[in-house]
Amino acid sequence: REREREEEEEEEENTPKAVKPKSKKRTLESSQSPAQRKKQRVEEEKQEQQQKKKKKNKNKNKKSQDSETAKESAQKSPKKSPKESPKGKKKDKWVTLTRGLKYKDMSAGQGPTVARGKKLKVFYVGQLQDKKIFDKKITDEPFEFVLGTGSVIKGWDMGLKGMRVGGKRRLVVPAALAYGKEGTDGIPPNSTLTFTIELKGIA
């Protein structure tokens, strides 16, 4: 027996110290019953699922906070009003006729169209180049004349063609189609005249 004891002591001395002892966990697991080990695994899985759920909720909250921040910044930043395209913008276009006569329709009428030989009823304002008014008829009975018979200046006979009752037109009449080199009362020689004419009716 003493010989056996000596051999055991020699084996213990020769065993390297670097050999790791068995982990406590394994020792603990080995000491547990199968039912206890199963219960422990279930609890561990439950804890793991809870941690994943927390992480997922955290990411979700972060995303919602980021979207709210972006929404607030978008609301704070002033919205740029869309620029009006040149196509959508209506501009009164001047129409140039012969001998320097030109006109533009300020508003289009919906009534009958004028024709040569018809009696027109109009309101008008006549102005010099410096905007000074030399003649007007805008109240009471409209001014009446027959178109194309020379009863008015040539600029009117030529420039009112195509108008419709209810329309308003601006005429720029050169001196050659108005009162020429001589001029007349209140109108100097060689004056270009501007008329704003509203067609009230056709007789």
C-alpha atoms as a PDB file:
ATOM      1  CA  ARG A   1       0.000   0.000   0.000  1.00  0.00           C
ATOM      2  CA  GLU A   2       2.746   2.439   0.790  1.00  0.00           C
ATOM      3  CA  ARG A   3       4.205   1.722  -2.629  1.00  0.00           C
ATOM      4  CA  GLU A   4       0.844   2.545  -4.304  1.00  0.00           C
ATOM      5  CA  ARG A   5       0.559   5.792  -2.322  1.00  0.00           C
ATOM      6  CA  GLU A   6       4.035   6.853  -3.407  1.00  0.00           C
ATOM      7  CA  GLU A   7       3.159   6.190  -7.059  1.00  0.00           C
ATOM      8  CA  GLU A   8      -0.038   8.299  -6.754  1.00  0.00           C
ATOM      9  CA  GLU A   9       1.929  11.188  -5.219  1.00  0.00           C
ATOM     10  CA  GLU A  10       4.443  10.990  -8.090  1.00  0.00           C
ATOM     11  CA  GLU A  11       1.609  11.181 -10.668  1.00  0.00           C
ATOM     12  CA  GLU A  12       0.163  14.281  -8.984  1.00  0.00           C
ATOM     13  CA  GLU A  13       3.574  15.973  -9.003  1.00  0.00           C
ATOM     14  CA  ASN A  14       4.089  15.122 -12.704  1.00  0.00           C
ATOM     15  CA  THR A  15       0.667  16.512 -13.783  1.00  0.00           C
ATOM     16  CA  PRO A  16       1.240  19.905 -15.576  1.00  0.00           C
ATOM     17  CA  LYS A  17      -0.259  22.901 -13.777  1.00  0.00           C
ATOM     18  CA  ALA A  18      -1.403  24.486 -17.099  1.00  0.00           C
ATOM     19  CA  VAL A  19      -4.177  21.928 -17.417  1.00  0.00           C
ATOM     20  CA  LYS A  20      -7.407  23.906 -16.961  1.00  0.00           C
ATOM     21  CA  PRO A  21      -9.795  22.706 -14.370  1.00  0.00           C
ATOM     22  CA  LYS A  22     -13.295  21.819 -15.463  1.00  0.00           C
ATOM     23  CA  SER A  23     -15.597  24.912 -15.737  1.00  0.00           C
ATOM     24  CA  LYS A  24     -18.031  25.552 -12.949  1.00  0.00           C
ATOM     25  CA  LYS A  25     -20.812  25.778 -15.501  1.00  0.00           C
ATOM     26  CA  ARG A  26     -20.224  22.259 -16.706  1.00  0.00           C
ATOM     27  CA  THR A  27     -19.882  21.059 -13.146  1.00  0.00           C
ATOM     28  CA  LEU A  28     -23.154  22.847 -12.365  1.00  0.00           C
ATOM     29  CA  GLU A  29     -24.852  21.399 -15.462  1.00  0.00           C
ATOM     30  CA  SER A  30     -23.634  17.959 -14.674  1.00  0.00           C
ATOM     31  CA  SER A  31     -25.032  18.308 -11.179  1.00  0.00           C
ATOM     32  CA  GLN A  32     -28.483  19.415 -12.551  1.00  0.00           C
ATOM     33  CA  SER A  33     -31.263  17.105 -13.545  1.00  0.00           C
ATOM     34  CA  PRO A  34     -32.470  17.062 -17.213  1.00  0.00           C
ATOM     35  CA  ALA A  35     -35.663  18.908 -16.226  1.00  0.00           C
ATOM     36  CA  GLN A  36     -33.663  21.679 -14.552  1.00  0.00           C
ATOM     37  CA  ARG A  37     -31.349  21.994 -17.556  1.00  0.00           C
ATOM     38  CA  LYS A  38     -34.353  22.252 -19.903  1.00  0.00           C
ATOM     39  CA  LYS A  39     -35.924  24.932 -17.706  1.00  0.00           C
ATOM     40  CA  GLN A  40     -32.669  26.885 -17.683  1.00  0.00           C
ATOM     41  CA  ARG A  41     -32.386  26.737 -21.499  1.00  0.00           C
ATOM     42  CA  VAL A  42     -35.973  27.975 -21.848  1.00  0.00           C
ATOM     43  CA  GLU A  43     -35.231  30.921 -19.554  1.00  0.00           C
ATOM     44  CA  GLU A  44     -32.050  31.740 -21.477  1.00  0.00           C
ATOM     45  CA  GLU A  45     -33.940  31.676 -24.784  1.00  0.00           C
ATOM     46  CA  LYS A  46     -36.652  33.889 -23.290  1.00  0.00           C
ATOM     47  CA  GLN A  47     -34.067  36.420 -22.116  1.00  0.00           C
ATOM     48  CA  GLU A  48     -32.429  36.363 -25.534  1.00  0.00           C
ATOM     49  CA  GLN A  49     -35.784  37.031 -27.248  1.00  0.00           C
ATOM     50  CA  GLN A  50     -36.505  39.913 -24.859  1.00  0.00           C
ATOM     51  CA  GLN A  51     -33.129  41.476 -25.627  1.00  0.00           C
ATOM     52  CA  LYS A  52     -33.787  41.186 -29.387  1.00  0.00           C
ATOM     53  CA  LYS A  53     -37.242  42.723 -28.924  1.00  0.00           C
ATOM     54  CA  LYS A  54     -35.775  45.641 -26.950  1.00  0.00           C
ATOM     55  CA  LYS A  55     -33.146  46.215 -29.626  1.00  0.00           C
ATOM     56  CA  LYS A  56     -35.826  46.144 -32.350  1.00  0.00           C
ATOM     57  CA  ASN A  57     -38.026  48.644 -30.477  1.00  0.00           C
ATOM     58  CA  LYS A  58     -35.027  50.887 -29.933  1.00  0.00           C
ATOM     59  CA  ASN A  59     -34.247  50.935 -33.663  1.00  0.00           C
ATOM     60  CA  LYS A  60     -37.919  51.567 -34.454  1.00  0.00           C
ATOM     61  CA  ASN A  61     -38.073  54.519 -32.048  1.00  0.00           C
ATOM     62  CA  LYS A  62     -34.900  55.935 -33.538  1.00  0.00           C
ATOM     63  CA  LYS A  63     -36.336  55.743 -37.064  1.00  0.00           C
ATOM     64  CA  SER A  64     -39.577  57.449 -36.004  1.00  0.00           C
ATOM     65  CA  GLN A  65     -37.594  60.203 -34.248  1.00  0.00           C
ATOM     66  CA  ASP A  66     -35.490  60.727 -37.384  1.00  0.00           C
ATOM     67  CA  SER A  67     -38.607  60.949 -39.570  1.00  0.00           C
ATOM     68  CA  GLU A  68     -40.211  63.451 -37.158  1.00  0.00           C
ATOM     69  CA  THR A  69     -37.047  65.560 -37.162  1.00  0.00           C
ATOM     70  CA  ALA A  70     -36.963  65.544 -40.963  1.00  0.00           C
ATOM     71  CA  LYS A  71     -40.660  66.486 -41.072  1.00  0.00           C
ATOM     72  CA  GLU A  72     -40.117  69.406 -38.671  1.00  0.00           C
ATOM     73  CA  SER A  73     -37.164  70.704 -40.664  1.00  0.00           C
ATOM     74  CA  ALA A  74     -39.208  70.450 -43.876  1.00  0.00           C
ATOM     75  CA  GLN A  75     -42.031  72.441 -42.259  1.00  0.00           C
ATOM     76  CA  LYS A  76     -39.637  75.117 -41.017  1.00  0.00           C
ATOM     77  CA  SER A  77     -37.958  75.577 -44.367  1.00  0.00           C
ATOM     78  CA  PRO A  78     -39.962  78.027 -46.505  1.00  0.00           C
ATOM     79  CA  LYS A  79     -41.604  76.553 -49.541  1.00  0.00           C
ATOM     80  CA  LYS A  80     -40.542  78.008 -52.807  1.00  0.00           C
ATOM     81  CA  SER A  81     -43.448  79.173 -54.853  1.00  0.00           C
ATOM     82  CA  PRO A  82     -43.425  77.664 -58.322  1.00  0.00           C
ATOM     83  CA  LYS A  83     -42.265  80.098 -60.931  1.00  0.00           C
ATOM     84  CA  GLU A  84     -44.833  81.111 -63.410  1.00  0.00           C
ATOM     85  CA  SER A  85     -43.876  79.814 -66.789  1.00  0.00           C
ATOM     86  CA  PRO A  86     -43.667  82.295 -69.624  1.00  0.00           C
ATOM     87  CA  LYS A  87     -46.178  80.178 -71.556  1.00  0.00           C
ATOM     88  CA  GLY A  88     -48.820  80.548 -68.839  1.00  0.00           C
ATOM     89  CA  LYS A  89     -48.363  84.294 -68.659  1.00  0.00           C
ATOM     90  CA  LYS A  90     -50.619  86.154 -70.980  1.00  0.00           C
ATOM     91  CA  LYS A  91     -49.117  89.210 -72.598  1.00  0.00           C
ATOM     92  CA  ASP A  92     -50.967  91.768 -74.679  1.00  0.00           C
ATOM     93  CA  LYS A  93     -49.316  91.548 -78.074  1.00  0.00           C
ATOM     94  CA  TRP A  94     -49.107  94.508 -80.371  1.00  0.00           C
ATOM     95  CA  VAL A  95     -50.157  93.903 -83.962  1.00  0.00           C
ATOM     96  CA  THR A  96     -48.436  96.074 -86.560  1.00  0.00           C
ATOM     97  CA  LEU A  97     -50.385  96.956 -89.703  1.00  0.00           C
ATOM     98  CA  THR A  98     -49.335  98.931 -92.788  1.00  0.00           C
ATOM     99  CA  ARG A  99     -47.757 102.411 -92.650  1.00  0.00           C
ATOM    100  CA  GLY A 100     -46.764 102.153 -88.979  1.00  0.00           C
ATOM    101  CA  LEU A 101     -50.283 101.643 -87.599  1.00  0.00           C
ATOM    102  CA  LYS A 102     -50.429  99.212 -84.672  1.00  0.00           C
ATOM    103  CA  TYR A 103     -52.916  98.036 -82.082  1.00  0.00           C
ATOM    104  CA  LYS A 104     -53.449  95.628 -79.221  1.00  0.00           C
ATOM    105  CA  ASP A 105     -56.685  94.249 -77.829  1.00  0.00           C
ATOM    106  CA  MET A 106     -57.056  95.055 -74.139  1.00  0.00           C
ATOM    107  CA  SER A 107     -60.165  92.894 -73.933  1.00  0.00           C
ATOM    108  CA  ALA A 108     -61.891  90.780 -76.559  1.00  0.00           C
ATOM    109  CA  GLY A 109     -65.573  91.328 -77.171  1.00  0.00           C
ATOM    110  CA  GLN A 110     -68.179  88.595 -77.489  1.00  0.00           C
ATOM    111  CA  GLY A 111     -70.635  90.411 -79.766  1.00  0.00           C
ATOM    112  CA  PRO A 112     -70.856  90.878 -83.541  1.00  0.00           C
ATOM    113  CA  THR A 113     -67.735  91.744 -85.553  1.00  0.00           C
ATOM    114  CA  VAL A 114     -67.401  95.140 -87.240  1.00  0.00           C
ATOM    115  CA  ALA A 115     -67.591  95.400 -91.013  1.00  0.00           C
ATOM    116  CA  ARG A 116     -67.043  98.122 -93.583  1.00  0.00           C
ATOM    117  CA  GLY A 117     -70.162 100.279 -94.083  1.00  0.00           C
ATOM    118  CA  LYS A 118     -71.561  99.496 -90.613  1.00  0.00           C
ATOM    119  CA  LYS A 119     -72.355 102.236 -88.122  1.00  0.00           C
ATOM    120  CA  LEU A 120     -70.229 101.807 -84.990  1.00  0.00           C
ATOM    121  CA  LYS A 121     -70.944 103.172 -81.535  1.00  0.00           C
ATOM    122  CA  VAL A 122     -67.805 103.766 -79.474  1.00  0.00           C
ATOM    123  CA  PHE A 123     -66.395 105.380 -76.357  1.00  0.00           C
ATOM    124  CA  TYR A 124     -62.813 106.629 -76.774  1.00  0.00           C
ATOM    125  CA  VAL A 125     -59.940 108.581 -75.236  1.00  0.00           C
ATOM    126  CA  GLY A 126     -57.342 110.282 -77.475  1.00  0.00           C
ATOM    127  CA  GLN A 127     -53.834 111.073 -76.169  1.00  0.00           C
ATOM    128  CA  LEU A 128     -50.675 112.729 -77.430  1.00  0.00           C
ATOM    129  CA  GLN A 129     -47.262 111.097 -77.061  1.00  0.00           C
ATOM    130  CA  ASP A 130     -46.799 112.844 -73.708  1.00  0.00           C
ATOM    131  CA  LYS A 131     -50.019 111.170 -72.460  1.00  0.00           C
ATOM    132  CA  LYS A 132     -51.927 114.434 -72.558  1.00  0.00           C
ATOM    133  CA  ILE A 133     -55.609 113.883 -73.432  1.00  0.00           C
ATOM    134  CA  PHE A 134     -56.748 116.002 -76.387  1.00  0.00           C
ATOM    135  CA  ASP A 135     -60.224 114.478 -76.842  1.00  0.00           C
ATOM    136  CA  LYS A 136     -62.542 111.915 -75.225  1.00  0.00           C
ATOM    137  CA  LYS A 137     -66.052 110.534 -75.214  1.00  0.00           C
ATOM    138  CA  ILE A 138     -66.737 108.164 -72.313  1.00  0.00           C
ATOM    139  CA  THR A 139     -70.173 109.174 -71.000  1.00  0.00           C
ATOM    140  CA  ASP A 140     -73.756 109.686 -72.215  1.00  0.00           C
ATOM    141  CA  GLU A 141     -74.360 108.566 -75.816  1.00  0.00           C
ATOM    142  CA  PRO A 142     -71.444 106.873 -77.623  1.00  0.00           C
ATOM    143  CA  PHE A 143     -69.786 108.503 -80.614  1.00  0.00           C
ATOM    144  CA  GLU A 144     -71.240 107.129 -83.892  1.00  0.00           C
ATOM    145  CA  PHE A 145     -69.637 106.860 -87.350  1.00  0.00           C
ATOM    146  CA  VAL A 146     -69.745 104.628 -90.408  1.00  0.00           C
ATOM    147  CA  LEU A 147     -66.621 102.513 -90.836  1.00  0.00           C
ATOM    148  CA  GLY A 148     -64.630 102.828 -94.079  1.00  0.00           C
ATOM    149  CA  THR A 149     -66.288 105.963 -95.474  1.00  0.00           C
ATOM    150  CA  GLY A 150     -63.693 108.589 -94.480  1.00  0.00           C
ATOM    151  CA  SER A 151     -65.872 110.138 -91.774  1.00  0.00           C
ATOM    152  CA  VAL A 152     -63.010 109.546 -89.292  1.00  0.00           C
ATOM    153  CA  ILE A 153     -59.205 109.491 -89.624  1.00  0.00           C
ATOM    154  CA  LYS A 154     -57.677 106.692 -91.695  1.00  0.00           C
ATOM    155  CA  GLY A 155     -56.114 105.157 -88.620  1.00  0.00           C
ATOM    156  CA  TRP A 156     -59.603 104.390 -87.248  1.00  0.00           C
ATOM    157  CA  ASP A 157     -60.963 103.019 -90.529  1.00  0.00           C
ATOM    158  CA  MET A 158     -57.988 100.666 -90.782  1.00  0.00           C
ATOM    159  CA  GLY A 159     -57.369  99.910 -87.115  1.00  0.00           C
ATOM    160  CA  LEU A 160     -60.853  98.928 -85.934  1.00  0.00           C
ATOM    161  CA  LYS A 161     -61.277  96.042 -88.356  1.00  0.00           C
ATOM    162  CA  GLY A 162     -61.840  92.725 -86.597  1.00  0.00           C
ATOM    163  CA  MET A 163     -63.186  94.245 -83.366  1.00  0.00           C
ATOM    164  CA  ARG A 164     -66.249  92.750 -81.719  1.00  0.00           C
ATOM    165  CA  VAL A 165     -68.931  94.483 -79.682  1.00  0.00           C
ATOM    166  CA  GLY A 166     -67.862  94.683 -76.031  1.00  0.00           C
ATOM    167  CA  GLY A 167     -64.157  94.718 -76.900  1.00  0.00           C
ATOM    168  CA  LYS A 168     -61.586  97.368 -76.050  1.00  0.00           C
ATOM    169  CA  ARG A 169     -58.618  98.189 -78.293  1.00  0.00           C
ATOM    170  CA  ARG A 170     -55.644 100.523 -78.095  1.00  0.00           C
ATOM    171  CA  LEU A 171     -54.539 102.119 -81.365  1.00  0.00           C
ATOM    172  CA  VAL A 172     -51.238 103.860 -82.042  1.00  0.00           C
ATOM    173  CA  VAL A 173     -51.773 106.023 -85.139  1.00  0.00           C
ATOM    174  CA  PRO A 174     -48.843 107.685 -86.934  1.00  0.00           C
ATOM    175  CA  ALA A 175     -49.274 111.275 -88.176  1.00  0.00           C
ATOM    176  CA  ALA A 176     -49.691 110.135 -91.797  1.00  0.00           C
ATOM    177  CA  LEU A 177     -52.881 108.263 -90.821  1.00  0.00           C
ATOM    178  CA  ALA A 178     -54.109 110.976 -88.444  1.00  0.00           C
ATOM    179  CA  TYR A 179     -53.802 114.774 -88.883  1.00  0.00           C
ATOM    180  CA  GLY A 180     -50.510 114.809 -90.810  1.00  0.00           C
ATOM    181  CA  LYS A 181     -48.178 117.784 -91.134  1.00  0.00           C
ATOM    182  CA  GLU A 182     -50.900 120.357 -90.515  1.00  0.00           C
ATOM    183  CA  GLY A 183     -52.244 119.103 -87.191  1.00  0.00           C
ATOM    184  CA  THR A 184     -55.489 120.490 -85.801  1.00  0.00           C
ATOM    185  CA  ASP A 185     -56.887 122.143 -82.670  1.00  0.00           C
ATOM    186  CA  GLY A 186     -54.982 120.796 -79.686  1.00  0.00           C
ATOM    187  CA  ILE A 187     -52.895 118.443 -81.859  1.00  0.00           C
ATOM    188  CA  PRO A 188     -49.451 119.628 -83.032  1.00  0.00           C
ATOM    189  CA  PRO A 189     -48.218 118.823 -86.587  1.00  0.00           C
ATOM    190  CA  ASN A 190     -46.691 115.391 -87.180  1.00  0.00           C
ATOM    191  CA  SER A 191     -48.172 113.938 -83.982  1.00  0.00           C
ATOM    192  CA  THR A 192     -48.436 110.224 -83.337  1.00  0.00           C
ATOM    193  CA  LEU A 193     -51.705 109.664 -81.482  1.00  0.00           C
ATOM    194  CA  THR A 194     -52.876 106.949 -79.132  1.00  0.00           C
ATOM    195  CA  PHE A 195     -56.548 106.026 -78.863  1.00  0.00           C
ATOM    196  CA  THR A 196     -58.257 103.715 -76.404  1.00  0.00           C
ATOM    197  CA  ILE A 197     -61.512 102.644 -78.045  1.00  0.00           C
ATOM    198  CA  GLU A 198     -64.353 100.585 -76.602  1.00  0.00           C
ATOM    199  CA  LEU A 199     -66.923  99.241 -79.064  1.00  0.00           C
ATOM    200  CA  LYS A 200     -70.385  99.623 -77.529  1.00  0.00           C
ATOM    201  CA  GLY A 201     -72.531  98.555 -80.430  1.00  0.00           C
ATOM    202  CA  ILE A 202     -73.112  98.169 -84.167  1.00  0.00           C
ATOM    203  CA  ALA A 203     -76.170  99.729 -85.809  1.00  0.00           C
END
